Amino acid sequence: MIVQYSSETTISLLFFTIAIGIYFFLSMQRALFILYICLSAVIFTHDLMVMNDNIYTFLLLLFVTIISAFKLPEKLFTVYLISNLVLSTVLSVLNESRLIETLVISVFFYFIVWTLNRMAVARKEQKAIYEELLGEYRQLKRMHLVAENNARLEERTKIARDIHDSVGHRLTALIMKLEMLAIQNADTQYDELKQMAKESLEETRLAVKALQTEESEGIATVVHLIRKLEAESHILVQFTVKQGILSMPISNEKSVILYRVIQEGLTNAMRHAESREVHISLGKSAIGAISFEIVNQVFTAKAFEFGFGLTNMKERVEQIGGNLEVYQTDKQFVVSGTIPSE
């Protein structure tokens, strides 16, 4: 445009520099409506001052309108589209040789751009609904797993109670009967039978105790739960498990807290980050505590505040003697801390 039609190359290059600068600031995703208005104003003013033919100006206004269709909200885009259509109309009036043709073409193409914006808005709404439904599905699935686990534990408790009441009672009665026979008859075989009955009773008690205990302790179980969460969330989790961490003793309460902290870190990554990749590392600190770190990439750094989830997790970690730190750099969002082992 500058080479073919500009009457003042120096002034055109100045306007070109300003336009490129404004276009660069659009990537910051801030004050987009004002930046788009300024960009259209620069294009329009340049045409009035130094252009001999404004066909490229129409194309530039149409180009920035198309870009804004995917960036601006519906109401602001409608205002911006109308403003650019008005600018195109003014240019058409000033260039009387192609007034009707330019107006018809402008209205036609701007209608297409408005349709594109409607499609983009509908797609964003569908995506938001999908994300909401996906979140509800994950929550219902977790509730189902909890209910299934509770039902399984209840059934195991019932089986343990039945074993204790029936088999345990009969073995106890058998031991007492053998004791009486051993007293009445001086026979060592009764002592052997009594010892076998006692061992059977002890094994039965151990089996009952195992049935009544929920097997949900240990770092290995936490890793298994995170892998299940990764599959449900459709994100890529890169796990780094340092040597010796899997054998560290940890209670059920602390396992649950560690899992919830990592779960909250993944939830924040899914909700606020543009990347679907999260790095999680578990290790052993210098004082023998369990250290953890959840890192996800950030493309657009924004100020963050401690929400309910992070605040609640920080309080729970501190209640068991651990610590939780959350900070953000230009490229990463990090949740790290330690939990004391048993």
Protein backbone atom coordinates (compact mmCIF):
# COMPACT_ATOMS: atom_id res chain seq x y z
CA MET A 1 0.00 0.00 0.00
CA ILE A 2 2.79 2.41 0.91
CA VAL A 3 4.84 1.64 -2.20
CA GLN A 4 1.98 1.89 -4.70
CA TYR A 5 -0.38 4.54 -3.38
CA SER A 6 1.21 6.67 -0.65
CA SER A 7 1.98 10.27 -1.52
CA GLU A 8 4.12 10.75 1.62
CA THR A 9 6.28 7.70 2.25
CA THR A 10 7.81 9.05 5.46
CA ILE A 11 4.44 9.77 7.05
CA SER A 12 3.13 6.39 5.90
CA LEU A 13 6.09 4.63 7.50
CA LEU A 14 5.34 6.49 10.76
CA PHE A 15 1.71 5.35 10.69
CA PHE A 16 2.88 1.86 9.79
CA THR A 17 5.15 1.78 12.85
CA ILE A 18 2.32 2.96 15.13
CA ALA A 19 -0.05 0.33 13.70
CA ILE A 20 2.49 -2.47 14.17
CA GLY A 21 3.10 -1.30 17.75
CA ILE A 22 -0.62 -1.41 18.56
CA TYR A 23 -0.92 -4.80 16.87
CA PHE A 24 1.92 -6.09 19.07
CA PHE A 25 0.18 -4.94 22.26
CA LEU A 26 -2.91 -6.96 21.26
CA SER A 27 -1.00 -10.11 22.25
CA MET A 28 -1.04 -8.93 25.90
CA GLN A 29 -4.84 -9.57 26.02
CA ARG A 30 -5.51 -6.33 27.92
CA ALA A 31 -7.76 -3.41 26.95
CA LEU A 32 -8.44 -5.11 23.62
CA PHE A 33 -11.41 -2.95 22.65
CA ILE A 34 -9.44 0.28 23.10
CA LEU A 35 -6.47 -1.11 21.16
CA TYR A 36 -8.70 -2.21 18.27
CA ILE A 37 -10.36 1.21 18.17
CA CYS A 38 -6.93 2.89 18.11
CA LEU A 39 -5.77 0.58 15.33
CA SER A 40 -8.81 1.41 13.19
CA ALA A 41 -8.30 5.12 13.90
CA VAL A 42 -4.66 4.93 12.75
CA ILE A 43 -5.66 3.12 9.53
CA PHE A 44 -8.47 5.59 8.84
CA THR A 45 -6.37 8.69 9.61
CA HIS A 46 -3.54 7.46 7.39
CA ASP A 47 -5.95 7.05 4.49
CA LEU A 48 -7.31 10.58 4.93
CA MET A 49 -3.88 12.18 5.11
CA VAL A 50 -1.66 10.52 2.52
CA MET A 51 -3.53 7.91 0.48
CA ASN A 52 -4.57 8.39 -3.10
CA ASP A 53 -6.60 5.18 -3.29
CA ASN A 54 -8.28 3.59 -0.30
CA ILE A 55 -8.92 0.00 -1.46
CA TYR A 56 -6.20 -1.33 0.86
CA THR A 57 -7.66 0.65 3.73
CA PHE A 58 -10.93 -1.26 3.33
CA LEU A 59 -9.02 -4.53 3.41
CA LEU A 60 -7.09 -3.51 6.52
CA LEU A 61 -10.25 -2.49 8.37
CA LEU A 62 -11.86 -5.77 7.36
CA PHE A 63 -8.77 -7.70 8.49
CA VAL A 64 -8.68 -6.21 11.99
CA THR A 65 -12.45 -6.73 12.27
CA ILE A 66 -12.03 -10.42 11.47
CA ILE A 67 -9.32 -10.76 14.13
CA SER A 68 -11.46 -8.98 16.72
CA ALA A 69 -14.35 -11.38 16.02
CA PHE A 70 -12.45 -14.11 17.92
CA LYS A 71 -11.16 -11.88 20.72
CA LEU A 72 -13.84 -9.38 21.74
CA PRO A 73 -17.05 -10.13 23.65
CA GLU A 74 -20.26 -10.05 21.65
CA LYS A 75 -21.45 -6.56 22.65
CA LEU A 76 -18.06 -4.86 22.28
CA PHE A 77 -17.49 -6.59 18.95
CA THR A 78 -20.86 -5.35 17.66
CA VAL A 79 -19.89 -1.78 18.55
CA TYR A 80 -16.48 -2.22 16.93
CA LEU A 81 -17.95 -3.74 13.77
CA ILE A 82 -20.43 -0.89 13.40
CA SER A 83 -17.66 1.68 13.93
CA ASN A 84 -15.48 0.07 11.23
CA LEU A 85 -18.47 -0.11 8.89
CA VAL A 86 -19.06 3.60 9.48
CA LEU A 87 -15.40 4.35 8.73
CA SER A 88 -15.65 2.32 5.52
CA THR A 89 -18.79 4.23 4.59
CA VAL A 90 -17.08 7.58 5.16
CA LEU A 91 -14.20 6.48 2.94
CA SER A 92 -16.71 5.39 0.31
CA VAL A 93 -18.40 8.80 0.40
CA LEU A 94 -15.05 10.53 0.03
CA ASN A 95 -14.21 8.26 -2.91
CA GLU A 96 -17.37 8.86 -4.93
CA SER A 97 -16.24 6.80 -7.90
CA ARG A 98 -16.98 3.48 -6.12
CA LEU A 99 -19.58 4.50 -3.54
CA ILE A 100 -22.33 1.93 -4.19
CA GLU A 101 -20.00 -0.97 -4.97
CA THR A 102 -17.90 -0.36 -1.87
CA LEU A 103 -20.93 -0.05 0.38
CA VAL A 104 -22.48 -3.29 -0.89
CA ILE A 105 -19.23 -5.24 -0.58
CA SER A 106 -18.53 -3.77 2.88
CA VAL A 107 -21.97 -4.68 4.21
CA PHE A 108 -21.67 -8.18 2.75
CA PHE A 109 -18.26 -8.92 4.23
CA TYR A 110 -19.04 -7.33 7.59
CA PHE A 111 -22.15 -9.48 7.80
CA ILE A 112 -19.94 -12.55 7.27
CA VAL A 113 -17.58 -11.35 10.02
CA TRP A 114 -20.55 -10.81 12.37
CA THR A 115 -21.63 -14.39 11.64
CA LEU A 116 -18.12 -15.59 12.48
CA ASN A 117 -18.33 -13.78 15.81
CA ARG A 118 -21.66 -15.42 16.59
CA MET A 119 -20.13 -18.82 15.83
CA ALA A 120 -17.10 -18.05 18.01
CA VAL A 121 -19.32 -16.94 20.91
CA ALA A 122 -21.48 -20.06 20.56
CA ARG A 123 -18.36 -22.22 20.54
CA LYS A 124 -17.04 -20.58 23.72
CA GLU A 125 -20.41 -21.11 25.41
CA GLN A 126 -20.43 -24.75 24.35
CA LYS A 127 -16.88 -25.16 25.65
CA ALA A 128 -17.84 -23.59 28.98
CA ILE A 129 -20.87 -25.90 29.25
CA TYR A 130 -18.68 -28.88 28.36
CA GLU A 131 -16.10 -27.94 31.02
CA GLU A 132 -18.88 -27.53 33.58
CA LEU A 133 -20.44 -30.88 32.67
CA LEU A 134 -17.01 -32.51 32.72
CA GLY A 135 -16.42 -31.12 36.20
CA GLU A 136 -19.79 -32.42 37.36
CA TYR A 137 -19.02 -35.80 35.81
CA ARG A 138 -15.70 -36.00 37.64
CA GLN A 139 -17.36 -35.03 40.90
CA LEU A 140 -20.11 -37.62 40.45
CA LYS A 141 -17.52 -40.24 39.54
CA ARG A 142 -15.55 -39.48 42.70
CA MET A 143 -18.76 -39.64 44.75
CA HIS A 144 -19.56 -42.99 43.12
CA LEU A 145 -16.08 -44.28 43.94
CA VAL A 146 -16.45 -43.11 47.54
CA ALA A 147 -19.90 -44.73 47.83
CA GLU A 148 -18.58 -47.93 46.26
CA ASN A 149 -15.62 -47.93 48.63
CA ASN A 150 -17.90 -47.35 51.63
CA ALA A 151 -20.15 -50.18 50.50
CA ARG A 152 -17.15 -52.46 50.10
CA LEU A 153 -15.86 -51.51 53.55
CA GLU A 154 -19.29 -52.10 55.04
CA GLU A 155 -19.43 -55.54 53.43
CA ARG A 156 -15.94 -56.36 54.67
CA THR A 157 -16.91 -55.25 58.17
CA LYS A 158 -19.99 -57.47 58.03
CA ILE A 159 -17.90 -60.45 56.90
CA ALA A 160 -15.35 -59.74 59.63
CA ARG A 161 -18.12 -59.56 62.23
CA ASP A 162 -19.63 -62.82 61.03
CA ILE A 163 -16.25 -64.56 61.13
CA HIS A 164 -15.58 -63.20 64.60
CA ASP A 165 -18.99 -64.19 65.93
CA SER A 166 -19.17 -67.67 64.35
CA VAL A 167 -15.71 -69.08 63.68
CA GLY A 168 -14.03 -67.22 66.52
CA HIS A 169 -16.69 -68.28 69.00
CA ARG A 170 -16.51 -71.94 67.92
CA LEU A 171 -12.71 -71.98 68.08
CA THR A 172 -12.84 -70.50 71.58
CA ALA A 173 -15.33 -73.15 72.65
CA LEU A 174 -13.12 -75.83 71.09
CA ILE A 175 -10.08 -74.60 73.03
CA MET A 176 -12.05 -74.65 76.29
CA LYS A 177 -13.28 -78.21 75.54
CA LEU A 178 -9.75 -79.36 74.80
CA GLU A 179 -8.56 -77.74 78.00
CA MET A 180 -11.12 -79.70 80.00
CA LEU A 181 -10.19 -82.95 78.25
CA ALA A 182 -6.49 -82.29 78.88
CA ILE A 183 -7.23 -81.87 82.58
CA GLN A 184 -9.39 -85.00 82.75
CA ASN A 185 -7.02 -87.14 80.69
CA ALA A 186 -3.29 -86.77 81.00
CA ASP A 187 -2.61 -86.99 77.26
CA THR A 188 -0.12 -84.77 75.39
CA GLN A 189 -2.15 -85.09 72.19
CA TYR A 190 -4.78 -82.76 73.69
CA ASP A 191 -2.06 -80.13 74.22
CA GLU A 192 -1.09 -80.37 70.57
CA LEU A 193 -4.70 -80.06 69.46
CA LYS A 194 -5.19 -77.14 71.84
CA GLN A 195 -2.11 -75.40 70.39
CA MET A 196 -3.42 -75.90 66.83
CA ALA A 197 -6.80 -74.44 67.85
CA LYS A 198 -5.10 -71.41 69.45
CA GLU A 199 -3.06 -70.79 66.30
CA SER A 200 -6.21 -71.04 64.18
CA LEU A 201 -7.97 -68.58 66.49
CA GLU A 202 -5.05 -66.13 66.23
CA GLU A 203 -5.02 -66.40 62.43
CA THR A 204 -8.76 -65.78 62.40
CA ARG A 205 -8.32 -62.66 64.52
CA LEU A 206 -5.61 -61.39 62.17
CA ALA A 207 -7.89 -62.00 59.18
CA VAL A 208 -10.72 -60.12 60.90
CA LYS A 209 -8.40 -57.22 61.67
CA ALA A 210 -7.21 -57.12 58.05
CA LEU A 211 -10.79 -57.05 56.80
CA GLN A 212 -11.66 -54.16 59.12
CA THR A 213 -8.65 -52.04 58.02
CA GLU A 214 -8.93 -49.88 54.94
CA GLU A 215 -5.85 -50.37 52.79
CA SER A 216 -5.24 -46.75 51.85
CA GLU A 217 -1.94 -45.90 53.44
CA GLY A 218 1.43 -45.26 51.85
CA ILE A 219 2.94 -43.16 49.05
CA ALA A 220 2.29 -45.92 46.50
CA THR A 221 -1.45 -45.51 47.07
CA VAL A 222 -1.15 -41.73 46.58
CA VAL A 223 0.67 -42.28 43.27
CA HIS A 224 -2.08 -44.68 42.18
CA LEU A 225 -4.79 -42.14 43.03
CA ILE A 226 -2.99 -39.38 41.09
CA ARG A 227 -2.71 -41.64 38.06
CA LYS A 228 -6.47 -42.20 38.22
CA LEU A 229 -7.02 -38.44 38.47
CA GLU A 230 -4.75 -37.93 35.45
CA ALA A 231 -6.88 -40.29 33.38
CA GLU A 232 -10.10 -38.56 34.47
CA SER A 233 -8.77 -35.04 33.79
CA HIS A 234 -7.25 -35.77 30.35
CA ILE A 235 -4.01 -34.03 31.28
CA LEU A 236 -0.40 -35.16 31.04
CA VAL A 237 1.20 -35.63 34.47
CA GLN A 238 4.95 -36.13 34.53
CA PHE A 239 5.77 -37.90 37.80
CA THR A 240 9.22 -37.84 39.39
CA VAL A 241 9.48 -40.19 42.36
CA LYS A 242 12.87 -39.96 44.04
CA GLN A 243 14.69 -42.92 45.53
CA GLY A 244 13.42 -44.13 48.88
CA ILE A 245 10.17 -42.15 48.91
CA LEU A 246 7.89 -45.15 48.26
CA SER A 247 9.13 -46.92 51.38
CA MET A 248 8.60 -43.95 53.70
CA PRO A 249 5.92 -44.58 56.36
CA ILE A 250 2.91 -42.26 56.24
CA SER A 251 -0.45 -42.48 57.97
CA ASN A 252 -3.80 -42.62 56.24
CA GLU A 253 -4.62 -39.04 57.32
CA LYS A 254 -1.41 -37.65 55.86
CA SER A 255 -1.83 -39.70 52.68
CA VAL A 256 -5.26 -38.15 52.17
CA ILE A 257 -3.90 -34.62 52.77
CA LEU A 258 -1.01 -35.18 50.34
CA TYR A 259 -3.43 -36.47 47.73
CA ARG A 260 -5.79 -33.51 48.23
CA VAL A 261 -2.92 -31.01 47.88
CA ILE A 262 -1.81 -32.57 44.60
CA GLN A 263 -5.43 -32.74 43.45
CA GLU A 264 -5.90 -29.02 44.18
CA GLY A 265 -2.69 -28.24 42.27
CA LEU A 266 -3.97 -30.16 39.26
CA THR A 267 -7.35 -28.44 39.52
CA ASN A 268 -5.68 -25.01 39.48
CA ALA A 269 -3.60 -26.04 36.48
CA MET A 270 -6.70 -27.17 34.57
CA ARG A 271 -8.65 -24.07 35.53
CA HIS A 272 -6.12 -21.26 35.04
CA ALA A 273 -3.23 -22.53 32.91
CA GLU A 274 -3.24 -22.82 29.13
CA SER A 275 -1.03 -25.90 29.22
CA ARG A 276 -2.36 -29.42 29.79
CA GLU A 277 0.98 -30.63 31.16
CA VAL A 278 1.85 -30.72 34.87
CA HIS A 279 5.08 -31.80 36.55
CA ILE A 280 4.79 -33.51 39.96
CA SER A 281 7.78 -34.59 42.04
CA LEU A 282 7.82 -36.45 45.35
CA GLY A 283 10.99 -36.75 47.39
CA LYS A 284 12.59 -36.79 50.80
CA SER A 285 13.69 -33.56 52.45
CA ALA A 286 16.87 -33.06 54.45
CA ILE A 287 14.99 -33.56 57.74
CA GLY A 288 13.32 -36.78 56.59
CA ALA A 289 9.95 -35.29 55.66
CA ILE A 290 8.04 -35.98 52.46
CA SER A 291 8.55 -33.13 49.99
CA PHE A 292 6.26 -32.44 47.04
CA GLU A 293 6.16 -29.98 44.15
CA ILE A 294 3.49 -29.35 41.51
CA VAL A 295 4.61 -27.17 38.58
CA ASN A 296 2.63 -26.11 35.52
CA GLN A 297 3.61 -23.76 32.73
CA VAL A 298 2.09 -20.28 32.52
CA PHE A 299 1.94 -18.48 29.17
CA THR A 300 0.22 -15.31 30.41
CA ALA A 301 1.34 -14.30 33.89
CA LYS A 302 -1.55 -12.94 35.95
CA ALA A 303 -1.78 -11.91 39.57
CA PHE A 304 -3.27 -14.67 41.71
CA GLU A 305 -4.87 -14.82 45.13
CA PHE A 306 -5.27 -17.65 47.62
CA GLY A 307 -8.71 -19.06 46.93
CA PHE A 308 -10.71 -21.28 49.21
CA GLY A 309 -9.05 -24.46 47.92
CA LEU A 310 -5.44 -23.37 48.44
CA THR A 311 -6.21 -21.68 51.76
CA ASN A 312 -7.94 -24.80 53.05
CA MET A 313 -5.05 -27.01 51.89
CA LYS A 314 -2.49 -24.74 53.53
CA GLU A 315 -4.35 -24.92 56.84
CA ARG A 316 -4.66 -28.72 56.68
CA VAL A 317 -0.96 -29.17 55.89
CA GLU A 318 0.06 -26.85 58.72
CA GLN A 319 -2.21 -28.72 61.17
CA ILE A 320 -0.14 -31.89 60.73
CA GLY A 321 3.16 -30.02 61.11
CA GLY A 322 3.92 -29.48 57.42
CA ASN A 323 4.20 -26.39 55.25
CA LEU A 324 2.76 -25.30 51.90
CA GLU A 325 4.11 -22.60 49.58
CA VAL A 326 2.45 -21.22 46.46
CA TYR A 327 4.20 -18.78 44.12
CA GLN A 328 4.29 -17.78 40.48
CA THR A 329 7.12 -16.82 38.15
CA ASP A 330 6.94 -15.40 34.63
CA LYS A 331 6.63 -18.89 33.18
CA GLN A 332 5.59 -21.25 36.00
CA PHE A 333 3.01 -21.67 38.74
CA VAL A 334 4.43 -23.69 41.64
CA VAL A 335 2.81 -25.42 44.64
CA SER A 336 5.41 -26.98 46.94
CA GLY A 337 5.83 -28.03 50.54
CA THR A 338 6.60 -30.81 52.97
CA ILE A 339 4.61 -33.27 55.08
CA PRO A 340 6.26 -35.00 58.07
CA SER A 341 6.53 -38.78 57.81
CA GLU A 342 5.67 -41.17 60.62
